[in-house]
Each structure stands twice: as C-alpha cells, then as structure tokens.
Amino acid sequence: MDSIILPEPMKRGGKTLLEALSLRRTNRNIGSREIPLQVLSNLLWAAFGVNREKASFHKPGRTAPSASNSQEIDLYVALKSGLYLYEAIPHQLTPIATGDFSSISGQGGASRLTRHTPVNIFYVVDLARYDLGPDQPDPHIGEPEVQKSYYFTDTGFIAQNINLFAASEGLATWFHNCDRETIMVEFKLLPTQRILFAQTIGYPL
C-alpha cells in the first residue's frame, strides 16, 4: 500500500450553510458506489483539515475545535483498498493495514449495513496529546473525566462537519457505535489511544 496524496481541497461551492442544515439527516441506506478522490479530499478537509497556519498553542488551526487545541482526535479511514490514517499536514492518507475493515465499522447486526460501503471513518483519541506542561491554562486537563468530556465533544464537532458536508454534496452519512474490542486489536492502537465511534459515508441507495 502506498500513501494516497489527496488533491487540493476545493473550498468553494456546494450548498449554503442554511441549506445544508435544512438537509442534514442520518441515512443508513448507503450504497457501494465509490466516492471520487476529489470529493474524499474535500470531505476529509471539511472534517478536520487545516484552515489556517497559526492558531493557539503554536499549532495550525483546524476546521473543528479541540480542547486547548490538542487536536487529540485521529481519523482512521477504511477504504476498499485498506485502512489509512488521515494526516491533515500534508493532507494525505497514510497506509496502516491492508484488508477490508468496513464490516467492523458496524456493531453487531449493524455490520451488514457497513460492509459494502465505500468510506468508514473511525474516531480515535490519543490521550498523550493533552499537554500537561506548566503553560497549560486548564489545571484539570489531566483528569480522566475531564478528558472524556473533551474528546467526546471534539468528536462531535468533527462528526457534524461531516454531516453538513454530506448534506451539501448529496452524500449519505451515519454516525454510530463500532466493534471497539476488535478494532483495538486490528488497528494495533497504542495504550494511550481509545477507539470512540465510527461514521459511514457514501452515496444514498
């Protein structure tokens, strides 16, 4: 497997924000039709791409906020060609493993709805990204329950970006639970990483 260099995302076009909000909905009826590379590039940029070079804590800014700009959420992207990690810089998909991971995106009987879909995104938090240094303005950022409130909220921001992009582009999307135990093993995640949720995207049936 090679890295997939994504084309420059298109940052103009699509429906207006209010139109996308009007059309936003969950749709589990997703077909197997491939998503063009340009649309996938636009989707991932909209989800959690870089939209400015400089933001707080000496890091680039992203299309979704995160606690203290920790950028603690990683997007693992399962395509028919294998599993990839989305790297916002330099906007590419880095290969992780070969194989079909779409079925483990769905939990239990829901796997029948995801196994033929073209794109499944897995939300993974890396707790090591929370900066506990002396300049950290949040004295509670090292507390597990506080971290949990942050990474669940930050996942929601990214997921809603995908929801609105899908509505704008005529795609179907479904945010859902996933087979976490299998994923922890299959993805070879680090002890500081946690699998949270999955989101399936494709063209509606």
N, C-alpha and C. Protein backbone atom coordinates (compact mmCIF):
# COMPACT_ATOMS: atom_id res chain seq x y z
N MET A 1 0.83 -1.21 0.00
CA MET A 1 0.00 0.00 0.00
C MET A 1 0.87 1.25 0.00
N ASP A 2 0.48 2.21 -0.78
CA ASP A 2 1.16 3.49 -0.84
C ASP A 2 0.28 4.56 -0.20
N SER A 3 0.92 5.64 0.19
CA SER A 3 0.15 6.78 0.68
C SER A 3 -0.72 7.32 -0.45
N ILE A 4 -1.87 7.84 -0.08
CA ILE A 4 -2.76 8.47 -1.05
C ILE A 4 -2.62 9.98 -0.88
N ILE A 5 -1.98 10.61 -1.85
CA ILE A 5 -1.83 12.06 -1.82
C ILE A 5 -3.14 12.67 -2.30
N LEU A 6 -3.81 13.33 -1.41
CA LEU A 6 -5.12 13.90 -1.73
C LEU A 6 -4.98 15.19 -2.54
N PRO A 7 -5.83 15.39 -3.53
CA PRO A 7 -5.78 16.65 -4.26
C PRO A 7 -6.15 17.82 -3.36
N GLU A 8 -5.72 19.00 -3.77
CA GLU A 8 -6.04 20.20 -3.01
C GLU A 8 -7.55 20.29 -2.80
N PRO A 9 -7.99 20.46 -1.56
CA PRO A 9 -9.43 20.52 -1.33
C PRO A 9 -10.06 21.75 -1.96
N MET A 10 -11.24 21.57 -2.48
CA MET A 10 -12.00 22.67 -3.05
C MET A 10 -12.78 23.34 -1.92
N LYS A 11 -12.54 24.62 -1.72
CA LYS A 11 -13.12 25.33 -0.58
C LYS A 11 -14.24 26.27 -0.98
N ARG A 12 -14.71 26.13 -2.20
CA ARG A 12 -15.86 26.90 -2.66
C ARG A 12 -16.86 25.96 -3.32
N GLY A 13 -18.11 26.37 -3.32
CA GLY A 13 -19.13 25.56 -3.95
C GLY A 13 -20.02 24.88 -2.92
N GLY A 14 -20.87 23.99 -3.40
CA GLY A 14 -21.79 23.31 -2.52
C GLY A 14 -22.96 24.19 -2.12
N LYS A 15 -23.79 23.67 -1.27
CA LYS A 15 -24.97 24.40 -0.80
C LYS A 15 -24.59 25.40 0.28
N THR A 16 -25.45 26.34 0.54
CA THR A 16 -25.21 27.28 1.63
C THR A 16 -25.31 26.55 2.97
N LEU A 17 -24.79 27.17 4.01
CA LEU A 17 -24.86 26.57 5.34
C LEU A 17 -26.30 26.32 5.75
N LEU A 18 -27.17 27.27 5.53
CA LEU A 18 -28.57 27.10 5.93
C LEU A 18 -29.24 26.00 5.13
N GLU A 19 -28.91 25.88 3.86
CA GLU A 19 -29.46 24.78 3.05
C GLU A 19 -28.96 23.43 3.58
N ALA A 20 -27.65 23.37 3.92
CA ALA A 20 -27.09 22.12 4.44
C ALA A 20 -27.72 21.75 5.77
N LEU A 21 -27.96 22.73 6.62
CA LEU A 21 -28.62 22.46 7.90
C LEU A 21 -30.03 21.92 7.68
N SER A 22 -30.71 22.46 6.67
CA SER A 22 -32.05 22.01 6.37
C SER A 22 -32.07 20.56 5.88
N LEU A 23 -31.00 20.15 5.19
CA LEU A 23 -30.93 18.81 4.59
C LEU A 23 -30.22 17.79 5.48
N ARG A 24 -29.62 18.24 6.59
CA ARG A 24 -28.85 17.33 7.42
C ARG A 24 -29.72 16.24 8.03
N ARG A 25 -29.31 14.99 7.85
CA ARG A 25 -30.06 13.87 8.43
C ARG A 25 -29.18 12.63 8.45
N THR A 26 -29.56 11.65 9.27
CA THR A 26 -28.91 10.35 9.27
C THR A 26 -29.55 9.48 8.19
N ASN A 27 -28.72 8.84 7.39
CA ASN A 27 -29.21 7.93 6.37
C ASN A 27 -28.37 6.67 6.39
N ARG A 28 -28.94 5.56 6.85
CA ARG A 28 -28.22 4.28 6.94
C ARG A 28 -28.23 3.51 5.63
N ASN A 29 -29.01 3.97 4.66
CA ASN A 29 -29.13 3.27 3.38
C ASN A 29 -28.07 3.79 2.41
N ILE A 30 -26.87 3.23 2.53
CA ILE A 30 -25.71 3.71 1.78
C ILE A 30 -25.25 2.62 0.83
N GLY A 31 -25.03 2.99 -0.42
CA GLY A 31 -24.62 2.03 -1.44
C GLY A 31 -23.12 1.84 -1.50
N SER A 32 -22.67 1.05 -2.46
CA SER A 32 -21.26 0.70 -2.59
C SER A 32 -20.50 1.57 -3.59
N ARG A 33 -21.19 2.50 -4.21
CA ARG A 33 -20.54 3.36 -5.22
C ARG A 33 -19.37 4.12 -4.62
N GLU A 34 -18.24 4.09 -5.33
CA GLU A 34 -17.03 4.76 -4.85
C GLU A 34 -17.22 6.27 -4.79
N ILE A 35 -16.56 6.89 -3.83
CA ILE A 35 -16.52 8.35 -3.75
C ILE A 35 -15.28 8.83 -4.50
N PRO A 36 -15.43 9.74 -5.47
CA PRO A 36 -14.26 10.24 -6.20
C PRO A 36 -13.21 10.83 -5.26
N LEU A 37 -11.95 10.76 -5.68
CA LEU A 37 -10.86 11.20 -4.82
C LEU A 37 -10.99 12.67 -4.46
N GLN A 38 -11.44 13.50 -5.39
CA GLN A 38 -11.59 14.91 -5.08
C GLN A 38 -12.65 15.13 -4.00
N VAL A 39 -13.75 14.39 -4.08
CA VAL A 39 -14.81 14.51 -3.06
C VAL A 39 -14.29 14.01 -1.72
N LEU A 40 -13.52 12.91 -1.73
CA LEU A 40 -12.94 12.40 -0.48
C LEU A 40 -11.99 13.42 0.12
N SER A 41 -11.20 14.07 -0.72
CA SER A 41 -10.29 15.12 -0.25
C SER A 41 -11.07 16.25 0.41
N ASN A 42 -12.11 16.70 -0.26
CA ASN A 42 -12.94 17.78 0.30
C ASN A 42 -13.59 17.36 1.61
N LEU A 43 -14.05 16.11 1.66
CA LEU A 43 -14.71 15.58 2.86
C LEU A 43 -13.76 15.58 4.05
N LEU A 44 -12.56 15.07 3.87
CA LEU A 44 -11.62 14.98 4.99
C LEU A 44 -11.13 16.35 5.43
N TRP A 45 -10.96 17.24 4.46
CA TRP A 45 -10.58 18.61 4.85
C TRP A 45 -11.71 19.25 5.65
N ALA A 46 -12.94 19.10 5.18
CA ALA A 46 -14.07 19.66 5.92
C ALA A 46 -14.17 19.07 7.32
N ALA A 47 -13.87 17.78 7.44
CA ALA A 47 -13.98 17.10 8.73
C ALA A 47 -13.00 17.67 9.75
N PHE A 48 -11.71 17.70 9.37
CA PHE A 48 -10.71 18.10 10.37
C PHE A 48 -9.41 18.53 9.70
N GLY A 49 -9.56 19.25 8.59
CA GLY A 49 -8.38 19.72 7.88
C GLY A 49 -7.83 21.01 8.46
N VAL A 50 -6.72 21.46 7.92
CA VAL A 50 -6.08 22.71 8.35
C VAL A 50 -6.69 23.86 7.57
N ASN A 51 -7.18 24.88 8.28
CA ASN A 51 -7.76 26.04 7.61
C ASN A 51 -7.02 27.34 7.90
N ARG A 52 -5.95 27.27 8.70
CA ARG A 52 -5.09 28.43 8.93
C ARG A 52 -3.76 27.94 9.49
N GLU A 53 -2.70 28.64 9.15
CA GLU A 53 -1.36 28.19 9.51
C GLU A 53 -1.07 28.33 10.99
N LYS A 54 -1.59 29.37 11.63
CA LYS A 54 -1.27 29.64 13.02
C LYS A 54 -2.54 29.79 13.84
N ALA A 55 -2.58 29.08 14.96
CA ALA A 55 -3.68 29.21 15.90
C ALA A 55 -3.09 29.15 17.31
N SER A 56 -3.89 28.85 18.29
CA SER A 56 -3.41 28.84 19.67
C SER A 56 -2.44 27.70 19.93
N PHE A 57 -1.62 27.87 20.94
CA PHE A 57 -0.66 26.87 21.39
C PHE A 57 0.33 26.50 20.28
N HIS A 58 0.64 27.47 19.42
CA HIS A 58 1.69 27.32 18.41
C HIS A 58 1.42 26.16 17.45
N LYS A 59 0.15 25.93 17.15
CA LYS A 59 -0.22 24.87 16.21
C LYS A 59 -1.08 25.46 15.11
N PRO A 60 -1.14 24.77 13.97
CA PRO A 60 -2.07 25.21 12.93
C PRO A 60 -3.51 25.11 13.42
N GLY A 61 -4.40 25.85 12.79
CA GLY A 61 -5.82 25.77 13.12
C GLY A 61 -6.51 24.74 12.26
N ARG A 62 -7.55 24.12 12.79
CA ARG A 62 -8.28 23.07 12.08
C ARG A 62 -9.73 23.49 11.88
N THR A 63 -10.43 22.77 11.04
CA THR A 63 -11.83 23.09 10.76
C THR A 63 -12.77 22.75 11.91
N ALA A 64 -12.29 22.00 12.89
CA ALA A 64 -13.06 21.69 14.09
C ALA A 64 -12.21 22.04 15.31
N PRO A 65 -12.81 22.61 16.36
CA PRO A 65 -12.04 22.97 17.55
C PRO A 65 -11.70 21.76 18.40
N SER A 66 -10.73 21.94 19.29
CA SER A 66 -10.38 20.91 20.27
C SER A 66 -9.88 21.59 21.53
N ALA A 67 -9.97 20.90 22.65
CA ALA A 67 -9.59 21.47 23.95
C ALA A 67 -8.13 21.88 23.95
N SER A 68 -7.88 23.14 24.24
CA SER A 68 -6.52 23.68 24.23
C SER A 68 -5.79 23.38 22.92
N ASN A 69 -6.56 23.31 21.83
CA ASN A 69 -6.02 22.99 20.51
C ASN A 69 -5.17 21.72 20.56
N SER A 70 -5.63 20.75 21.34
CA SER A 70 -4.88 19.50 21.50
C SER A 70 -4.87 18.67 20.21
N GLN A 71 -5.91 18.81 19.40
CA GLN A 71 -6.03 18.03 18.16
C GLN A 71 -5.83 16.54 18.45
N GLU A 72 -6.53 16.09 19.48
CA GLU A 72 -6.31 14.75 20.03
C GLU A 72 -7.06 13.65 19.28
N ILE A 73 -7.93 14.03 18.34
CA ILE A 73 -8.70 13.04 17.60
C ILE A 73 -8.02 12.71 16.27
N ASP A 74 -7.80 11.42 16.03
CA ASP A 74 -7.29 10.95 14.74
C ASP A 74 -8.42 10.31 13.97
N LEU A 75 -8.39 10.48 12.66
CA LEU A 75 -9.37 9.86 11.78
C LEU A 75 -8.71 8.71 11.03
N TYR A 76 -9.15 7.50 11.35
CA TYR A 76 -8.70 6.31 10.62
C TYR A 76 -9.76 6.05 9.54
N VAL A 77 -9.32 5.96 8.31
CA VAL A 77 -10.24 5.90 7.17
C VAL A 77 -10.14 4.54 6.50
N ALA A 78 -11.22 3.80 6.52
CA ALA A 78 -11.28 2.49 5.87
C ALA A 78 -11.88 2.64 4.48
N LEU A 79 -11.06 2.37 3.47
CA LEU A 79 -11.50 2.33 2.08
C LEU A 79 -11.46 0.88 1.61
N LYS A 80 -11.91 0.64 0.41
CA LYS A 80 -11.86 -0.72 -0.12
C LYS A 80 -10.43 -1.21 -0.29
N SER A 81 -9.49 -0.27 -0.45
CA SER A 81 -8.08 -0.64 -0.63
C SER A 81 -7.35 -0.90 0.68
N GLY A 82 -7.97 -0.57 1.83
CA GLY A 82 -7.32 -0.80 3.10
C GLY A 82 -7.61 0.29 4.11
N LEU A 83 -6.84 0.29 5.19
CA LEU A 83 -7.02 1.24 6.28
C LEU A 83 -5.92 2.29 6.23
N TYR A 84 -6.32 3.56 6.40
CA TYR A 84 -5.39 4.69 6.32
C TYR A 84 -5.61 5.63 7.51
N LEU A 85 -4.57 6.39 7.81
CA LEU A 85 -4.66 7.47 8.78
C LEU A 85 -4.67 8.79 8.03
N TYR A 86 -5.68 9.61 8.30
CA TYR A 86 -5.70 10.93 7.66
C TYR A 86 -4.73 11.86 8.37
N GLU A 87 -3.79 12.40 7.61
CA GLU A 87 -2.84 13.38 8.13
C GLU A 87 -3.17 14.72 7.51
N ALA A 88 -3.65 15.64 8.34
CA ALA A 88 -4.07 16.95 7.85
C ALA A 88 -2.90 17.70 7.23
N ILE A 89 -1.73 17.50 7.76
CA ILE A 89 -0.49 18.01 7.16
C ILE A 89 0.37 16.79 6.85
N PRO A 90 0.56 16.46 5.55
CA PRO A 90 0.35 17.28 4.35
C PRO A 90 -0.92 16.95 3.59
N HIS A 91 -2.02 16.69 4.23
CA HIS A 91 -3.30 16.37 3.59
C HIS A 91 -3.14 15.11 2.74
N GLN A 92 -2.96 14.01 3.43
CA GLN A 92 -2.81 12.73 2.74
C GLN A 92 -3.34 11.60 3.62
N LEU A 93 -3.51 10.44 3.00
CA LEU A 93 -3.89 9.24 3.71
C LEU A 93 -2.67 8.33 3.78
N THR A 94 -2.23 8.04 4.99
CA THR A 94 -1.05 7.20 5.22
C THR A 94 -1.50 5.78 5.51
N PRO A 95 -0.99 4.79 4.78
CA PRO A 95 -1.46 3.42 4.96
C PRO A 95 -1.15 2.85 6.34
N ILE A 96 -2.11 2.12 6.89
CA ILE A 96 -1.96 1.46 8.18
C ILE A 96 -1.97 -0.06 8.01
N ALA A 97 -2.95 -0.57 7.25
CA ALA A 97 -3.08 -2.02 7.08
C ALA A 97 -3.89 -2.33 5.84
N THR A 98 -3.59 -3.46 5.22
CA THR A 98 -4.40 -3.92 4.09
C THR A 98 -5.61 -4.68 4.62
N GLY A 99 -6.58 -4.86 3.76
CA GLY A 99 -7.77 -5.62 4.15
C GLY A 99 -9.01 -4.77 4.14
N ASP A 100 -10.13 -5.43 4.37
CA ASP A 100 -11.43 -4.77 4.38
C ASP A 100 -11.88 -4.60 5.83
N PHE A 101 -11.96 -3.36 6.27
CA PHE A 101 -12.33 -3.06 7.65
C PHE A 101 -13.74 -2.49 7.76
N SER A 102 -14.47 -2.50 6.66
CA SER A 102 -15.79 -1.88 6.68
C SER A 102 -16.77 -2.60 7.60
N SER A 103 -16.66 -3.93 7.68
CA SER A 103 -17.64 -4.67 8.47
C SER A 103 -17.51 -4.40 9.96
N ILE A 104 -16.30 -4.13 10.44
CA ILE A 104 -16.14 -3.87 11.88
C ILE A 104 -16.51 -2.44 12.23
N SER A 105 -16.85 -1.64 11.22
CA SER A 105 -17.36 -0.31 11.50
C SER A 105 -18.72 -0.40 12.18
N GLY A 106 -19.52 -1.38 11.77
CA GLY A 106 -20.82 -1.57 12.40
C GLY A 106 -20.72 -2.51 13.58
N GLN A 107 -21.53 -2.28 14.60
CA GLN A 107 -21.52 -3.11 15.80
C GLN A 107 -22.63 -4.14 15.72
N GLY A 108 -22.28 -5.41 15.89
CA GLY A 108 -23.29 -6.47 15.87
C GLY A 108 -23.96 -6.56 14.51
N GLY A 109 -25.29 -6.58 14.52
CA GLY A 109 -26.05 -6.72 13.29
C GLY A 109 -25.90 -5.55 12.34
N ALA A 110 -25.43 -4.40 12.86
CA ALA A 110 -25.27 -3.23 12.00
C ALA A 110 -24.16 -3.41 10.98
N SER A 111 -23.31 -4.42 11.17
CA SER A 111 -22.20 -4.64 10.23
C SER A 111 -22.71 -4.92 8.82
N ARG A 112 -23.94 -5.45 8.71
CA ARG A 112 -24.50 -5.72 7.38
C ARG A 112 -24.76 -4.42 6.63
N LEU A 113 -24.89 -3.30 7.35
CA LEU A 113 -25.14 -2.02 6.71
C LEU A 113 -23.85 -1.31 6.30
N THR A 114 -22.71 -1.75 6.83
CA THR A 114 -21.46 -1.05 6.56
C THR A 114 -20.49 -1.84 5.69
N ARG A 115 -20.71 -3.14 5.54
CA ARG A 115 -19.67 -3.98 4.93
C ARG A 115 -19.41 -3.69 3.45
N HIS A 116 -20.37 -3.06 2.76
CA HIS A 116 -20.16 -2.77 1.35
C HIS A 116 -20.02 -1.27 1.08
N THR A 117 -19.95 -0.48 2.12
CA THR A 117 -19.90 0.97 1.93
C THR A 117 -18.48 1.43 1.59
N PRO A 118 -18.33 2.55 0.85
CA PRO A 118 -17.02 2.94 0.34
C PRO A 118 -16.09 3.60 1.36
N VAL A 119 -16.66 4.31 2.34
CA VAL A 119 -15.84 5.05 3.31
C VAL A 119 -16.39 4.86 4.71
N ASN A 120 -15.51 4.39 5.60
CA ASN A 120 -15.86 4.31 7.03
C ASN A 120 -14.75 5.00 7.81
N ILE A 121 -15.13 5.99 8.58
CA ILE A 121 -14.17 6.77 9.36
C ILE A 121 -14.29 6.36 10.83
N PHE A 122 -13.15 6.05 11.43
CA PHE A 122 -13.10 5.66 12.84
C PHE A 122 -12.46 6.80 13.63
N TYR A 123 -13.13 7.20 14.71
CA TYR A 123 -12.63 8.27 15.57
C TYR A 123 -11.80 7.66 16.69
N VAL A 124 -10.53 8.04 16.75
CA VAL A 124 -9.61 7.51 17.76
C VAL A 124 -8.99 8.68 18.51
N VAL A 125 -9.06 8.65 19.83
CA VAL A 125 -8.43 9.69 20.63
C VAL A 125 -7.08 9.20 21.12
N ASP A 126 -6.11 10.10 21.14
CA ASP A 126 -4.80 9.82 21.72
C ASP A 126 -4.63 10.71 22.94
N LEU A 127 -4.73 10.11 24.11
CA LEU A 127 -4.68 10.88 25.37
C LEU A 127 -3.33 11.53 25.58
N ALA A 128 -2.29 11.06 24.89
CA ALA A 128 -0.97 11.65 25.03
C ALA A 128 -0.91 13.06 24.44
N ARG A 129 -1.92 13.43 23.67
CA ARG A 129 -1.91 14.76 23.05
C ARG A 129 -2.29 15.86 24.04
N TYR A 130 -2.86 15.48 25.16
CA TYR A 130 -3.22 16.51 26.14
C TYR A 130 -1.95 17.01 26.82
N ASP A 131 -1.65 18.27 26.59
CA ASP A 131 -0.42 18.87 27.11
C ASP A 131 -0.59 19.17 28.60
N LEU A 132 0.24 18.53 29.42
CA LEU A 132 0.15 18.73 30.86
C LEU A 132 1.26 19.65 31.38
N GLY A 133 1.91 20.38 30.47
CA GLY A 133 3.04 21.23 30.83
C GLY A 133 2.65 22.42 31.68
N PRO A 134 3.66 23.16 32.17
CA PRO A 134 3.41 24.27 33.10
C PRO A 134 2.63 25.42 32.48
N ASP A 135 2.61 25.53 31.15
CA ASP A 135 1.92 26.63 30.50
C ASP A 135 0.47 26.28 30.14
N GLN A 136 0.04 25.09 30.49
CA GLN A 136 -1.33 24.67 30.20
C GLN A 136 -2.30 25.48 31.07
N PRO A 137 -3.24 26.23 30.43
CA PRO A 137 -4.14 27.08 31.22
C PRO A 137 -5.25 26.31 31.92
N ASP A 138 -5.47 25.07 31.53
CA ASP A 138 -6.54 24.27 32.14
C ASP A 138 -5.94 23.33 33.18
N PRO A 139 -6.11 23.62 34.48
CA PRO A 139 -5.49 22.79 35.51
C PRO A 139 -6.10 21.41 35.62
N HIS A 140 -7.24 21.18 34.97
CA HIS A 140 -7.93 19.90 35.09
C HIS A 140 -7.78 19.02 33.84
N ILE A 141 -6.96 19.44 32.88
CA ILE A 141 -6.91 18.73 31.62
C ILE A 141 -6.31 17.33 31.76
N GLY A 142 -5.63 17.05 32.85
CA GLY A 142 -5.07 15.73 33.07
C GLY A 142 -6.02 14.76 33.74
N GLU A 143 -7.22 15.23 34.14
CA GLU A 143 -8.17 14.38 34.83
C GLU A 143 -8.97 13.54 33.83
N PRO A 144 -9.07 12.23 34.05
CA PRO A 144 -9.74 11.35 33.08
C PRO A 144 -11.15 11.77 32.71
N GLU A 145 -11.97 12.17 33.69
CA GLU A 145 -13.34 12.54 33.38
C GLU A 145 -13.40 13.85 32.58
N VAL A 146 -12.49 14.75 32.87
CA VAL A 146 -12.43 16.00 32.09
C VAL A 146 -11.99 15.69 30.67
N GLN A 147 -10.98 14.86 30.53
CA GLN A 147 -10.53 14.47 29.19
C GLN A 147 -11.66 13.81 28.40
N LYS A 148 -12.42 12.97 29.06
CA LYS A 148 -13.53 12.29 28.39
C LYS A 148 -14.55 13.30 27.87
N SER A 149 -14.85 14.31 28.69
CA SER A 149 -15.80 15.32 28.24
C SER A 149 -15.26 16.07 27.04
N TYR A 150 -13.94 16.27 27.00
CA TYR A 150 -13.33 16.98 25.87
C TYR A 150 -13.35 16.13 24.60
N TYR A 151 -12.88 14.87 24.69
CA TYR A 151 -12.74 14.13 23.44
C TYR A 151 -14.09 13.70 22.87
N PHE A 152 -15.09 13.52 23.70
CA PHE A 152 -16.42 13.25 23.16
C PHE A 152 -16.98 14.50 22.45
N THR A 153 -16.80 15.66 23.08
CA THR A 153 -17.26 16.90 22.47
C THR A 153 -16.53 17.18 21.16
N ASP A 154 -15.21 17.00 21.17
CA ASP A 154 -14.41 17.28 19.98
C ASP A 154 -14.76 16.33 18.83
N THR A 155 -15.06 15.08 19.17
CA THR A 155 -15.53 14.14 18.14
C THR A 155 -16.83 14.63 17.53
N GLY A 156 -17.72 15.16 18.37
CA GLY A 156 -18.99 15.67 17.87
C GLY A 156 -18.82 16.82 16.89
N PHE A 157 -17.84 17.69 17.16
CA PHE A 157 -17.60 18.80 16.23
C PHE A 157 -17.21 18.26 14.85
N ILE A 158 -16.30 17.29 14.83
CA ILE A 158 -15.84 16.74 13.55
C ILE A 158 -16.98 16.02 12.84
N ALA A 159 -17.73 15.24 13.59
CA ALA A 159 -18.84 14.49 13.01
C ALA A 159 -19.87 15.42 12.39
N GLN A 160 -20.14 16.54 13.05
CA GLN A 160 -21.11 17.47 12.48
C GLN A 160 -20.57 18.13 11.22
N ASN A 161 -19.27 18.39 11.16
CA ASN A 161 -18.69 18.89 9.92
C ASN A 161 -18.96 17.92 8.77
N ILE A 162 -18.78 16.62 9.05
CA ILE A 162 -19.04 15.60 8.02
C ILE A 162 -20.52 15.57 7.67
N ASN A 163 -21.39 15.67 8.67
CA ASN A 163 -22.83 15.69 8.42
C ASN A 163 -23.21 16.82 7.46
N LEU A 164 -22.67 18.01 7.72
CA LEU A 164 -23.03 19.16 6.90
C LEU A 164 -22.42 19.07 5.51
N PHE A 165 -21.19 18.56 5.43
CA PHE A 165 -20.59 18.36 4.11
C PHE A 165 -21.41 17.37 3.30
N ALA A 166 -21.80 16.27 3.93
CA ALA A 166 -22.60 15.27 3.24
C ALA A 166 -23.91 15.86 2.74
N ALA A 167 -24.56 16.65 3.57
CA ALA A 167 -25.81 17.28 3.15
C ALA A 167 -25.60 18.21 1.97
N SER A 168 -24.47 18.91 1.97
CA SER A 168 -24.17 19.85 0.90
C SER A 168 -23.85 19.15 -0.41
N GLU A 169 -23.28 17.94 -0.32
CA GLU A 169 -22.78 17.25 -1.51
C GLU A 169 -23.67 16.09 -1.96
N GLY A 170 -24.81 15.90 -1.33
CA GLY A 170 -25.70 14.82 -1.73
C GLY A 170 -25.23 13.45 -1.30
N LEU A 171 -24.45 13.38 -0.24
CA LEU A 171 -23.97 12.11 0.30
C LEU A 171 -24.86 11.68 1.47
N ALA A 172 -24.80 10.40 1.77
CA ALA A 172 -25.48 9.86 2.96
C ALA A 172 -24.43 9.58 4.02
N THR A 173 -24.78 9.80 5.26
CA THR A 173 -23.83 9.52 6.34
C THR A 173 -24.57 9.06 7.59
N TRP A 174 -23.85 8.29 8.39
CA TRP A 174 -24.42 7.67 9.58
C TRP A 174 -23.32 7.58 10.64
N PHE A 175 -23.51 8.26 11.78
CA PHE A 175 -22.57 8.24 12.91
C PHE A 175 -23.06 7.19 13.89
N HIS A 176 -22.18 6.28 14.32
CA HIS A 176 -22.65 5.13 15.09
C HIS A 176 -21.54 4.50 15.95
N ASN A 177 -21.96 3.55 16.78
CA ASN A 177 -21.01 2.76 17.55
C ASN A 177 -20.30 1.77 16.63
N CYS A 178 -19.26 1.14 17.14
CA CYS A 178 -18.48 0.21 16.33
C CYS A 178 -17.95 -0.92 17.20
N ASP A 179 -17.32 -1.88 16.58
CA ASP A 179 -16.79 -3.05 17.28
C ASP A 179 -15.45 -2.68 17.91
N ARG A 180 -15.51 -2.03 19.08
CA ARG A 180 -14.32 -1.45 19.69
C ARG A 180 -13.26 -2.49 20.04
N GLU A 181 -13.64 -3.62 20.59
CA GLU A 181 -12.65 -4.62 21.00
C GLU A 181 -11.87 -5.15 19.81
N THR A 182 -12.56 -5.45 18.72
CA THR A 182 -11.87 -5.93 17.53
C THR A 182 -10.98 -4.85 16.94
N ILE A 183 -11.48 -3.64 16.93
CA ILE A 183 -10.73 -2.53 16.34
C ILE A 183 -9.44 -2.27 17.11
N MET A 184 -9.48 -2.32 18.43
CA MET A 184 -8.27 -2.09 19.22
C MET A 184 -7.15 -3.04 18.80
N VAL A 185 -7.52 -4.28 18.50
CA VAL A 185 -6.54 -5.28 18.09
C VAL A 185 -6.12 -5.08 16.64
N GLU A 186 -7.11 -4.95 15.76
CA GLU A 186 -6.84 -4.85 14.33
C GLU A 186 -6.05 -3.60 13.97
N PHE A 187 -6.31 -2.50 14.65
CA PHE A 187 -5.63 -1.25 14.35
C PHE A 187 -4.28 -1.13 15.05
N LYS A 188 -3.99 -2.07 15.96
CA LYS A 188 -2.73 -2.04 16.72
C LYS A 188 -2.55 -0.68 17.40
N LEU A 189 -3.57 -0.26 18.13
CA LEU A 189 -3.54 1.04 18.79
C LEU A 189 -2.61 1.03 19.99
N LEU A 190 -2.09 2.20 20.32
CA LEU A 190 -1.20 2.37 21.47
C LEU A 190 -2.02 2.37 22.77
N PRO A 191 -1.36 2.13 23.90
CA PRO A 191 -2.09 2.16 25.19
C PRO A 191 -2.76 3.50 25.47
N THR A 192 -2.23 4.58 24.90
CA THR A 192 -2.82 5.91 25.13
C THR A 192 -3.98 6.20 24.19
N GLN A 193 -4.27 5.29 23.27
CA GLN A 193 -5.33 5.52 22.30
C GLN A 193 -6.62 4.79 22.68
N ARG A 194 -7.75 5.38 22.33
CA ARG A 194 -9.05 4.79 22.56
C ARG A 194 -9.89 4.92 21.29
N ILE A 195 -10.56 3.85 20.91
CA ILE A 195 -11.50 3.93 19.80
C ILE A 195 -12.83 4.43 20.33
N LEU A 196 -13.42 5.40 19.67
CA LEU A 196 -14.63 6.05 20.18
C LEU A 196 -15.88 5.68 19.38
N PHE A 197 -15.94 6.11 18.14
CA PHE A 197 -17.11 5.89 17.29
C PHE A 197 -16.67 5.68 15.86
N ALA A 198 -17.63 5.43 15.00
CA ALA A 198 -17.36 5.34 13.57
C ALA A 198 -18.42 6.14 12.82
N GLN A 199 -18.11 6.48 11.59
CA GLN A 199 -19.05 7.19 10.74
C GLN A 199 -18.93 6.64 9.32
N THR A 200 -20.05 6.25 8.78
CA THR A 200 -20.10 5.67 7.43
C THR A 200 -20.60 6.72 6.45
N ILE A 201 -19.91 6.80 5.29
CA ILE A 201 -20.25 7.82 4.29
C ILE A 201 -20.28 7.19 2.91
N GLY A 202 -21.23 7.57 2.11
CA GLY A 202 -21.30 7.11 0.73
C GLY A 202 -22.49 7.75 0.03
N TYR A 203 -22.77 7.24 -1.15
CA TYR A 203 -23.93 7.75 -1.88
C TYR A 203 -25.17 6.99 -1.45
N PRO A 204 -26.30 7.69 -1.31
CA PRO A 204 -27.51 7.02 -0.85
C PRO A 204 -28.03 6.03 -1.89
N LEU A 205 -28.67 4.96 -1.39
CA LEU A 205 -29.29 3.99 -2.28
C LEU A 205 -30.55 4.58 -2.92
